[in-house]
Amino acid sequence: MPPSPGNAAQIERRRERRFPFDAAVEIEFGSSTILGRVRDISLSGMFLTSPEPLWLGAGFAAKLLLDSPIHLTCTVRRVEPGRGIGVQITPLEQEHHARLSELIAHLESKR
């Protein structure tokens, strides 16, 4: 069955392939800290669910709560009411970029 036009546009918009990934994430927005979950991830973005979704264009700091946390800066690029938010991510430091790259390579090798 061919993809619907909406799905094709969504796929073309992404620069990186996303992988299913379930992990806790700590979202630091202003003076608030919100706990959420990562549903999928790539080198340039991820889809998050949280009890308090943010709005389009909101910027925040995030920490993937892994054995060794990965710190990221994020900007909300898509909001799906009742489902979650799609965010663009940028590692804060080279060390975190390298660790994110290793995580993505690991997820890719499991496919």
Protein backbone atom coordinates (compact mmCIF):
# COMPACT_ATOMS: atom_id res chain seq x y z
CA MET A 1 0.00 0.00 0.00
CA PRO A 2 1.59 3.34 -0.99
CA PRO A 3 2.24 5.89 1.75
CA SER A 4 -0.30 8.65 2.13
CA PRO A 5 0.82 12.14 1.02
CA GLY A 6 1.04 13.27 4.67
CA ASN A 7 3.36 10.40 5.58
CA ALA A 8 5.59 10.99 2.55
CA ALA A 9 5.98 14.66 3.44
CA GLN A 10 6.82 13.75 7.04
CA ILE A 11 9.49 11.25 5.95
CA GLU A 12 11.10 13.72 3.54
CA ARG A 13 11.24 16.40 6.25
CA ARG A 14 13.52 14.33 8.48
CA ARG A 15 17.24 14.49 7.84
CA GLU A 16 18.08 11.50 10.00
CA ARG A 17 16.51 8.07 10.38
CA ARG A 18 14.68 7.67 13.70
CA PHE A 19 14.81 4.54 15.82
CA PRO A 20 12.34 3.29 18.42
CA PHE A 21 13.78 4.05 21.85
CA ASP A 22 12.22 4.03 25.29
CA ALA A 23 14.02 6.03 27.95
CA ALA A 24 13.24 8.54 30.64
CA VAL A 25 14.05 12.17 29.92
CA GLU A 26 14.28 15.10 32.28
CA ILE A 27 13.04 18.33 30.69
CA GLU A 28 14.30 21.58 32.24
CA PHE A 29 12.09 24.45 31.19
CA GLY A 30 12.51 27.72 33.08
CA SER A 31 12.44 26.86 36.77
CA SER A 32 10.45 23.66 36.17
CA THR A 33 11.65 20.10 35.74
CA ILE A 34 9.30 17.74 33.93
CA LEU A 35 9.82 14.01 33.56
CA GLY A 36 8.90 12.47 30.23
CA ARG A 37 9.65 9.53 27.95
CA VAL A 38 11.48 9.28 24.63
CA ARG A 39 9.49 7.30 22.05
CA ASP A 40 11.98 7.51 19.16
CA ILE A 41 15.31 9.20 18.53
CA SER A 42 17.81 10.19 15.82
CA LEU A 43 20.98 12.28 15.73
CA SER A 44 18.92 15.40 15.08
CA GLY A 45 15.60 14.83 16.82
CA MET A 46 13.34 12.80 19.06
CA PHE A 47 9.69 12.37 19.91
CA LEU A 48 8.77 12.89 23.57
CA THR A 49 5.74 12.27 25.68
CA SER A 50 5.21 14.16 28.92
CA PRO A 51 2.36 15.09 31.21
CA GLU A 52 2.98 18.77 30.38
CA PRO A 53 3.58 19.21 26.64
CA LEU A 54 5.36 22.35 25.48
CA TRP A 55 4.37 24.56 22.56
CA LEU A 56 5.81 24.94 19.08
CA GLY A 57 9.13 26.81 19.16
CA ALA A 58 9.75 26.31 22.90
CA GLY A 59 13.40 25.76 23.77
CA PHE A 60 14.57 23.68 26.72
CA ALA A 61 17.41 21.62 28.17
CA ALA A 62 16.97 17.86 28.33
CA LYS A 63 18.84 15.04 29.96
CA LEU A 64 18.45 11.47 28.71
CA LEU A 65 18.42 9.49 31.94
CA LEU A 66 20.73 6.64 30.93
CA ASP A 67 23.48 4.97 33.00
CA SER A 68 25.56 7.95 31.97
CA PRO A 69 23.15 10.83 31.15
CA ILE A 70 23.34 12.65 27.80
CA HIS A 71 22.69 16.41 27.99
CA LEU A 72 20.92 18.08 25.06
CA THR A 73 19.36 21.36 24.05
CA CYS A 74 16.01 21.01 22.31
CA THR A 75 13.50 23.05 20.35
CA VAL A 76 9.91 21.90 19.82
CA ARG A 77 9.30 21.51 16.07
CA ARG A 78 6.02 19.56 16.07
CA VAL A 79 3.14 19.19 18.53
CA GLU A 80 0.74 16.26 18.31
CA PRO A 81 -2.04 16.96 20.85
CA GLY A 82 -2.61 13.98 23.11
CA ARG A 83 0.44 12.16 21.70
CA GLY A 84 3.57 14.22 22.37
CA ILE A 85 6.10 16.58 20.82
CA GLY A 86 8.72 16.25 18.09
CA VAL A 87 11.91 18.11 18.96
CA GLN A 88 15.11 19.08 17.23
CA ILE A 89 18.12 18.24 19.41
CA THR A 90 21.63 19.61 19.72
CA PRO A 91 24.18 18.04 22.10
CA LEU A 92 25.58 20.59 24.53
CA GLU A 93 29.21 19.42 24.27
CA GLN A 94 31.30 17.26 21.94
CA GLU A 95 31.33 14.46 24.55
CA HIS A 96 27.53 14.30 24.55
CA HIS A 97 27.43 14.40 20.73
CA ALA A 98 29.82 11.45 20.60
CA ARG A 99 27.72 9.52 23.12
CA LEU A 100 24.52 10.28 21.20
CA SER A 101 26.22 9.05 18.01
CA GLU A 102 27.22 5.83 19.80
CA LEU A 103 23.65 5.34 21.03
CA ILE A 104 22.24 5.79 17.51
CA ALA A 105 24.85 3.40 16.05
CA HIS A 106 23.88 0.82 18.69
CA LEU A 107 20.17 1.19 17.88
CA GLU A 108 20.90 0.93 14.16
CA SER A 109 22.93 -2.27 14.64
CA LYS A 110 19.99 -3.89 16.47
CA ARG A 111 17.72 -3.53 13.40
